[in-house]
């Protein structure tokens, strides 16, 4: 094995681990967004519709981080 092969294998392994770590952030973010929405609906039930719309927007922005992680994985692999 030459240095280039070792570097390519190491880069691929680091990218795989990097995406796994990058997926943790959006998962925590979605959990926080949903939890706070449930808390808000429990406090103000009449705002449930508006809070649900805001929740879906927050989830969409949070999941954008996961898509960036996926793109980074494919760029480095």
C-alpha atoms as a PDB file:
ATOM      1  CA  UNK A   1       0.000   0.000   0.000  1.00  0.00           C
ATOM      2  CA  UNK A   2       1.293   3.386  -0.889  1.00  0.00           C
ATOM      3  CA  UNK A   3       0.590   6.633   0.931  1.00  0.00           C
ATOM      4  CA  UNK A   4      -2.155   7.689  -1.493  1.00  0.00           C
ATOM      5  CA  UNK A   5      -4.189   4.536  -0.891  1.00  0.00           C
ATOM      6  CA  UNK A   6      -3.864   4.866   2.869  1.00  0.00           C
ATOM      7  CA  UNK A   7      -4.868   8.535   2.690  1.00  0.00           C
ATOM      8  CA  UNK A   8      -7.914   7.731   0.518  1.00  0.00           C
ATOM      9  CA  UNK A   9      -9.073   4.997   2.895  1.00  0.00           C
ATOM     10  CA  UNK A  10      -8.538   7.241   5.896  1.00  0.00           C
ATOM     11  CA  UNK A  11     -10.431  10.074   4.198  1.00  0.00           C
ATOM     12  CA  UNK A  12     -13.374   7.788   3.424  1.00  0.00           C
ATOM     13  CA  UNK A  13     -13.532   6.508   6.986  1.00  0.00           C
ATOM     14  CA  UNK A  14     -13.379  10.006   8.435  1.00  0.00           C
ATOM     15  CA  UNK A  15     -16.143  11.168   6.064  1.00  0.00           C
ATOM     16  CA  UNK A  16     -18.367   8.269   7.137  1.00  0.00           C
ATOM     17  CA  UNK A  17     -17.829   9.031  10.802  1.00  0.00           C
ATOM     18  CA  UNK A  18     -18.312  12.722  10.095  1.00  0.00           C
ATOM     19  CA  UNK A  19     -21.733  12.157   8.590  1.00  0.00           C
ATOM     20  CA  UNK A  20     -22.714   9.990  11.544  1.00  0.00           C
ATOM     21  CA  UNK A  21     -21.722  12.784  13.888  1.00  0.00           C
ATOM     22  CA  UNK A  22     -23.408  15.379  11.667  1.00  0.00           C
ATOM     23  CA  UNK A  23     -26.698  13.467  11.897  1.00  0.00           C
ATOM     24  CA  UNK A  24     -26.706  13.793  15.685  1.00  0.00           C
ATOM     25  CA  UNK A  25     -27.155  17.578  15.567  1.00  0.00           C
ATOM     26  CA  UNK A  26     -30.326  17.628  13.459  1.00  0.00           C
ATOM     27  CA  UNK A  27     -31.785  14.764  15.510  1.00  0.00           C
ATOM     28  CA  UNK A  28     -31.313  16.733  18.707  1.00  0.00           C
ATOM     29  CA  UNK A  29     -32.621  19.876  17.005  1.00  0.00           C
ATOM     30  CA  UNK A  30     -35.800  18.180  15.790  1.00  0.00           C
ATOM     31  CA  UNK A  31     -36.374  16.752  19.249  1.00  0.00           C
ATOM     32  CA  UNK A  32     -36.067  20.190  20.807  1.00  0.00           C
ATOM     33  CA  UNK A  33     -38.358  21.797  18.210  1.00  0.00           C
ATOM     34  CA  UNK A  34     -41.082  19.174  18.653  1.00  0.00           C
ATOM     35  CA  UNK A  35     -40.759  19.208  22.439  1.00  0.00           C
ATOM     36  CA  UNK A  36     -41.086  22.982  22.615  1.00  0.00           C
ATOM     37  CA  UNK A  37     -44.080  22.864  20.270  1.00  0.00           C
ATOM     38  CA  UNK A  38     -45.815  20.347  22.524  1.00  0.00           C
ATOM     39  CA  UNK A  39     -45.008  22.539  25.507  1.00  0.00           C
ATOM     40  CA  UNK A  40     -46.391  25.596  23.727  1.00  0.00           C
ATOM     41  CA  UNK A  41     -49.614  23.803  22.757  1.00  0.00           C
ATOM     42  CA  UNK A  42     -50.036  22.639  26.342  1.00  0.00           C
ATOM     43  CA  UNK A  43     -49.744  26.247  27.545  1.00  0.00           C
ATOM     44  CA  UNK A  44     -51.798  27.876  24.753  1.00  0.00           C
ATOM     45  CA  UNK A  45     -54.091  25.310  23.083  1.00  0.00           C
ATOM     46  CA  UNK A  46     -55.739  27.972  20.920  1.00  0.00           C
ATOM     47  CA  UNK A  47     -52.413  28.553  19.122  1.00  0.00           C
ATOM     48  CA  UNK A  48     -51.985  24.880  18.141  1.00  0.00           C
ATOM     49  CA  UNK A  49     -52.413  25.495  14.393  1.00  0.00           C
ATOM     50  CA  UNK A  50     -49.929  28.359  14.254  1.00  0.00           C
ATOM     51  CA  UNK A  51     -47.405  26.503  16.405  1.00  0.00           C
ATOM     52  CA  UNK A  52     -47.685  23.417  14.224  1.00  0.00           C
ATOM     53  CA  UNK A  53     -46.863  25.447  11.105  1.00  0.00           C
ATOM     54  CA  UNK A  54     -43.872  26.987  12.847  1.00  0.00           C
ATOM     55  CA  UNK A  55     -42.800  23.527  14.021  1.00  0.00           C
ATOM     56  CA  UNK A  56     -42.744  22.181  10.448  1.00  0.00           C
ATOM     57  CA  UNK A  57     -40.720  25.178   9.284  1.00  0.00           C
ATOM     58  CA  UNK A  58     -38.256  24.644  12.145  1.00  0.00           C
ATOM     59  CA  UNK A  59     -37.963  20.944  11.320  1.00  0.00           C
ATOM     60  CA  UNK A  60     -37.303  21.784   7.659  1.00  0.00           C
ATOM     61  CA  UNK A  61     -34.493  24.189   8.565  1.00  0.00           C
ATOM     62  CA  UNK A  62     -33.045  21.719  11.037  1.00  0.00           C
ATOM     63  CA  UNK A  63     -33.106  18.886   8.490  1.00  0.00           C
ATOM     64  CA  UNK A  64     -31.219  21.137   6.067  1.00  0.00           C
ATOM     65  CA  UNK A  65     -28.220  20.522   8.336  1.00  0.00           C
ATOM     66  CA  UNK A  66     -28.545  16.781   7.709  1.00  0.00           C
ATOM     67  CA  UNK A  67     -28.606  17.384   3.953  1.00  0.00           C
ATOM     68  CA  UNK A  68     -25.440  19.456   4.241  1.00  0.00           C
ATOM     69  CA  UNK A  69     -23.879  16.537   6.132  1.00  0.00           C
ATOM     70  CA  UNK A  70     -24.900  14.126   3.371  1.00  0.00           C
ATOM     71  CA  UNK A  71     -23.456  16.425   0.700  1.00  0.00           C
ATOM     72  CA  UNK A  72     -20.220  16.755   2.650  1.00  0.00           C
ATOM     73  CA  UNK A  73     -20.006  12.980   2.912  1.00  0.00           C
ATOM     74  CA  UNK A  74     -20.298  12.566  -0.864  1.00  0.00           C
ATOM     75  CA  UNK A  75     -17.821  15.380  -1.537  1.00  0.00           C
ATOM     76  CA  UNK A  76     -15.111  13.786   0.592  1.00  0.00           C
ATOM     77  CA  UNK A  77     -15.740  10.166  -0.404  1.00  0.00           C
END
